Amino acid sequence: MAEYKPGEMDIRAQERTFAGFTRFVTISVVVIICFLVFLALVGG
């Protein structure tokens, strides 16, 4: 088994995945908030 050395692992894929996840969550929250505001105004 290889010896572990901190800082040598390539984490670009993980960083892209996390950036995509945070973008998805942000957009989802905005859409949900807009939908709730719409329901409050129309369904009143």
PDB file of N, CA and C in Angstrom:
ATOM      1  N   MET A   1       0.844  -1.170   0.000  1.00  0.00           N
ATOM      2  CA  MET A   1       0.000   0.000   0.000  1.00  0.00           C
ATOM      3  C   MET A   1       0.896   1.243   0.000  1.00  0.00           C
ATOM      4  N   ALA A   2       0.466   2.272  -0.699  1.00  0.00           N
ATOM      5  CA  ALA A   2       1.268   3.494  -0.825  1.00  0.00           C
ATOM      6  C   ALA A   2       1.258   4.284   0.482  1.00  0.00           C
ATOM      7  N   GLU A   3       2.320   4.989   0.687  1.00  0.00           N
ATOM      8  CA  GLU A   3       2.439   5.847   1.876  1.00  0.00           C
ATOM      9  C   GLU A   3       1.627   7.120   1.645  1.00  0.00           C
ATOM     10  N   TYR A   4       0.822   7.510   2.622  1.00  0.00           N
ATOM     11  CA  TYR A   4       0.005   8.721   2.504  1.00  0.00           C
ATOM     12  C   TYR A   4       0.856   9.954   2.756  1.00  0.00           C
ATOM     13  N   LYS A   5       0.761  10.928   1.849  1.00  0.00           N
ATOM     14  CA  LYS A   5       1.476  12.188   2.002  1.00  0.00           C
ATOM     15  C   LYS A   5       0.477  13.325   1.843  1.00  0.00           C
ATOM     16  N   PRO A   6       0.205  14.092   2.886  1.00  0.00           N
ATOM     17  CA  PRO A   6      -0.783  15.180   2.816  1.00  0.00           C
ATOM     18  C   PRO A   6      -0.449  16.178   1.705  1.00  0.00           C
ATOM     19  N   GLY A   7      -1.489  16.599   0.997  1.00  0.00           N
ATOM     20  CA  GLY A   7      -1.327  17.618  -0.020  1.00  0.00           C
ATOM     21  C   GLY A   7      -1.000  17.111  -1.410  1.00  0.00           C
ATOM     22  N   GLU A   8      -0.882  15.805  -1.602  1.00  0.00           N
ATOM     23  CA  GLU A   8      -0.531  15.274  -2.913  1.00  0.00           C
ATOM     24  C   GLU A   8      -1.727  14.783  -3.720  1.00  0.00           C
ATOM     25  N   MET A   9      -2.884  14.696  -3.119  1.00  0.00           N
ATOM     26  CA  MET A   9      -4.053  14.179  -3.821  1.00  0.00           C
ATOM     27  C   MET A   9      -4.652  15.242  -4.745  1.00  0.00           C
ATOM     28  N   ASP A  10      -5.021  14.821  -5.957  1.00  0.00           N
ATOM     29  CA  ASP A  10      -5.667  15.727  -6.902  1.00  0.00           C
ATOM     30  C   ASP A  10      -7.149  15.822  -6.546  1.00  0.00           C
ATOM     31  N   ILE A  11      -7.598  17.008  -6.132  1.00  0.00           N
ATOM     32  CA  ILE A  11      -8.983  17.160  -5.666  1.00  0.00           C
ATOM     33  C   ILE A  11      -9.823  18.026  -6.609  1.00  0.00           C
ATOM     34  N   ARG A  12      -9.360  18.204  -7.841  1.00  0.00           N
ATOM     35  CA  ARG A  12     -10.116  19.048  -8.781  1.00  0.00           C
ATOM     36  C   ARG A  12     -11.510  18.502  -9.051  1.00  0.00           C
ATOM     37  N   ALA A  13     -11.651  17.192  -9.163  1.00  0.00           N
ATOM     38  CA  ALA A  13     -12.966  16.598  -9.423  1.00  0.00           C
ATOM     39  C   ALA A  13     -13.908  16.847  -8.251  1.00  0.00           C
ATOM     40  N   GLN A  14     -13.397  16.702  -7.035  1.00  0.00           N
ATOM     41  CA  GLN A  14     -14.224  16.949  -5.859  1.00  0.00           C
ATOM     42  C   GLN A  14     -14.630  18.420  -5.773  1.00  0.00           C
ATOM     43  N   GLU A  15     -13.707  19.315  -6.121  1.00  0.00           N
ATOM     44  CA  GLU A  15     -14.016  20.742  -6.084  1.00  0.00           C
ATOM     45  C   GLU A  15     -15.089  21.094  -7.105  1.00  0.00           C
ATOM     46  N   ARG A  16     -15.018  20.519  -8.308  1.00  0.00           N
ATOM     47  CA  ARG A  16     -16.044  20.765  -9.324  1.00  0.00           C
ATOM     48  C   ARG A  16     -17.389  20.206  -8.885  1.00  0.00           C
ATOM     49  N   THR A  17     -17.384  19.023  -8.282  1.00  0.00           N
ATOM     50  CA  THR A  17     -18.623  18.427  -7.807  1.00  0.00           C
ATOM     51  C   THR A  17     -19.253  19.282  -6.723  1.00  0.00           C
ATOM     52  N   PHE A  18     -18.452  19.752  -5.777  1.00  0.00           N
ATOM     53  CA  PHE A  18     -18.975  20.586  -4.701  1.00  0.00           C
ATOM     54  C   PHE A  18     -19.492  21.915  -5.234  1.00  0.00           C
ATOM     55  N   ALA A  19     -18.791  22.516  -6.199  1.00  0.00           N
ATOM     56  CA  ALA A  19     -19.244  23.775  -6.795  1.00  0.00           C
ATOM     57  C   ALA A  19     -20.581  23.564  -7.507  1.00  0.00           C
ATOM     58  N   GLY A  20     -20.719  22.463  -8.216  1.00  0.00           N
ATOM     59  CA  GLY A  20     -21.987  22.157  -8.883  1.00  0.00           C
ATOM     60  C   GLY A  20     -23.109  21.932  -7.881  1.00  0.00           C
ATOM     61  N   PHE A  21     -22.796  21.241  -6.796  1.00  0.00           N
ATOM     62  CA  PHE A  21     -23.792  20.989  -5.765  1.00  0.00           C
ATOM     63  C   PHE A  21     -24.258  22.287  -5.119  1.00  0.00           C
ATOM     64  N   THR A  22     -23.318  23.172  -4.766  1.00  0.00           N
ATOM     65  CA  THR A  22     -23.709  24.436  -4.131  1.00  0.00           C
ATOM     66  C   THR A  22     -24.509  25.304  -5.099  1.00  0.00           C
ATOM     67  N   ARG A  23     -24.159  25.275  -6.379  1.00  0.00           N
ATOM     68  CA  ARG A  23     -24.926  26.036  -7.377  1.00  0.00           C
ATOM     69  C   ARG A  23     -26.346  25.470  -7.482  1.00  0.00           C
ATOM     70  N   PHE A  24     -26.470  24.158  -7.536  1.00  0.00           N
ATOM     71  CA  PHE A  24     -27.782  23.515  -7.612  1.00  0.00           C
ATOM     72  C   PHE A  24     -28.642  23.876  -6.398  1.00  0.00           C
ATOM     73  N   VAL A  25     -28.059  23.817  -5.215  1.00  0.00           N
ATOM     74  CA  VAL A  25     -28.799  24.135  -3.991  1.00  0.00           C
ATOM     75  C   VAL A  25     -29.227  25.592  -3.983  1.00  0.00           C
ATOM     76  N   THR A  26     -28.342  26.495  -4.397  1.00  0.00           N
ATOM     77  CA  THR A  26     -28.675  27.918  -4.426  1.00  0.00           C
ATOM     78  C   THR A  26     -29.832  28.191  -5.375  1.00  0.00           C
ATOM     79  N   ILE A  27     -29.756  27.638  -6.572  1.00  0.00           N
ATOM     80  CA  ILE A  27     -30.829  27.835  -7.550  1.00  0.00           C
ATOM     81  C   ILE A  27     -32.127  27.217  -7.045  1.00  0.00           C
ATOM     82  N   SER A  28     -32.049  26.048  -6.436  1.00  0.00           N
ATOM     83  CA  SER A  28     -33.247  25.388  -5.902  1.00  0.00           C
ATOM     84  C   SER A  28     -33.911  26.229  -4.817  1.00  0.00           C
ATOM     85  N   VAL A  29     -33.116  26.789  -3.932  1.00  0.00           N
ATOM     86  CA  VAL A  29     -33.672  27.616  -2.850  1.00  0.00           C
ATOM     87  C   VAL A  29     -34.344  28.851  -3.426  1.00  0.00           C
ATOM     88  N   VAL A  30     -33.743  29.492  -4.410  1.00  0.00           N
ATOM     89  CA  VAL A  30     -34.344  30.677  -5.031  1.00  0.00           C
ATOM     90  C   VAL A  30     -35.667  30.317  -5.691  1.00  0.00           C
ATOM     91  N   VAL A  31     -35.705  29.198  -6.407  1.00  0.00           N
ATOM     92  CA  VAL A  31     -36.944  28.769  -7.069  1.00  0.00           C
ATOM     93  C   VAL A  31     -38.020  28.471  -6.034  1.00  0.00           C
ATOM     94  N   ILE A  32     -37.668  27.802  -4.956  1.00  0.00           N
ATOM     95  CA  ILE A  32     -38.653  27.476  -3.917  1.00  0.00           C
ATOM     96  C   ILE A  32     -39.189  28.742  -3.261  1.00  0.00           C
ATOM     97  N   ILE A  33     -38.310  29.699  -2.969  1.00  0.00           N
ATOM     98  CA  ILE A  33     -38.752  30.950  -2.355  1.00  0.00           C
ATOM     99  C   ILE A  33     -39.679  31.708  -3.301  1.00  0.00           C
ATOM    100  N   CYS A  34     -39.334  31.772  -4.583  1.00  0.00           N
ATOM    101  CA  CYS A  34     -40.207  32.431  -5.560  1.00  0.00           C
ATOM    102  C   CYS A  34     -41.562  31.739  -5.631  1.00  0.00           C
ATOM    103  N   PHE A  35     -41.562  30.429  -5.615  1.00  0.00           N
ATOM    104  CA  PHE A  35     -42.822  29.676  -5.654  1.00  0.00           C
ATOM    105  C   PHE A  35     -43.670  29.964  -4.412  1.00  0.00           C
ATOM    106  N   LEU A  36     -43.041  30.022  -3.243  1.00  0.00           N
ATOM    107  CA  LEU A  36     -43.787  30.315  -2.017  1.00  0.00           C
ATOM    108  C   LEU A  36     -44.349  31.736  -2.022  1.00  0.00           C
ATOM    109  N   VAL A  37     -43.598  32.670  -2.539  1.00  0.00           N
ATOM    110  CA  VAL A  37     -44.089  34.052  -2.646  1.00  0.00           C
ATOM    111  C   VAL A  37     -45.263  34.090  -3.626  1.00  0.00           C
ATOM    112  N   PHE A  38     -45.157  33.389  -4.730  1.00  0.00           N
ATOM    113  CA  PHE A  38     -46.249  33.311  -5.692  1.00  0.00           C
ATOM    114  C   PHE A  38     -47.505  32.730  -5.052  1.00  0.00           C
ATOM    115  N   LEU A  39     -47.342  31.642  -4.293  1.00  0.00           N
ATOM    116  CA  LEU A  39     -48.496  31.047  -3.614  1.00  0.00           C
ATOM    117  C   LEU A  39     -49.109  32.006  -2.605  1.00  0.00           C
ATOM    118  N   ALA A  40     -48.273  32.747  -1.902  1.00  0.00           N
ATOM    119  CA  ALA A  40     -48.788  33.700  -0.915  1.00  0.00           C
ATOM    120  C   ALA A  40     -49.566  34.813  -1.585  1.00  0.00           C
ATOM    121  N   LEU A  41     -49.112  35.274  -2.742  1.00  0.00           N
ATOM    122  CA  LEU A  41     -49.794  36.367  -3.430  1.00  0.00           C
ATOM    123  C   LEU A  41     -51.078  35.901  -4.133  1.00  0.00           C
ATOM    124  N   VAL A  42     -51.053  34.737  -4.745  1.00  0.00           N
ATOM    125  CA  VAL A  42     -52.196  34.257  -5.500  1.00  0.00           C
ATOM    126  C   VAL A  42     -53.199  33.534  -4.624  1.00  0.00           C
ATOM    127  N   GLY A  43     -52.705  32.700  -3.734  1.00  0.00           N
ATOM    128  CA  GLY A  43     -53.595  31.867  -2.939  1.00  0.00           C
ATOM    129  C   GLY A  43     -54.186  32.608  -1.754  1.00  0.00           C
ATOM    130  N   GLY A  44     -53.581  33.730  -1.390  1.00  0.00           N
ATOM    131  CA  GLY A  44     -53.919  34.605  -0.311  1.00  0.00           C
ATOM    132  C   GLY A  44     -55.021  34.238   0.532  1.00  0.00           C
TER     133      GLY A  44
END
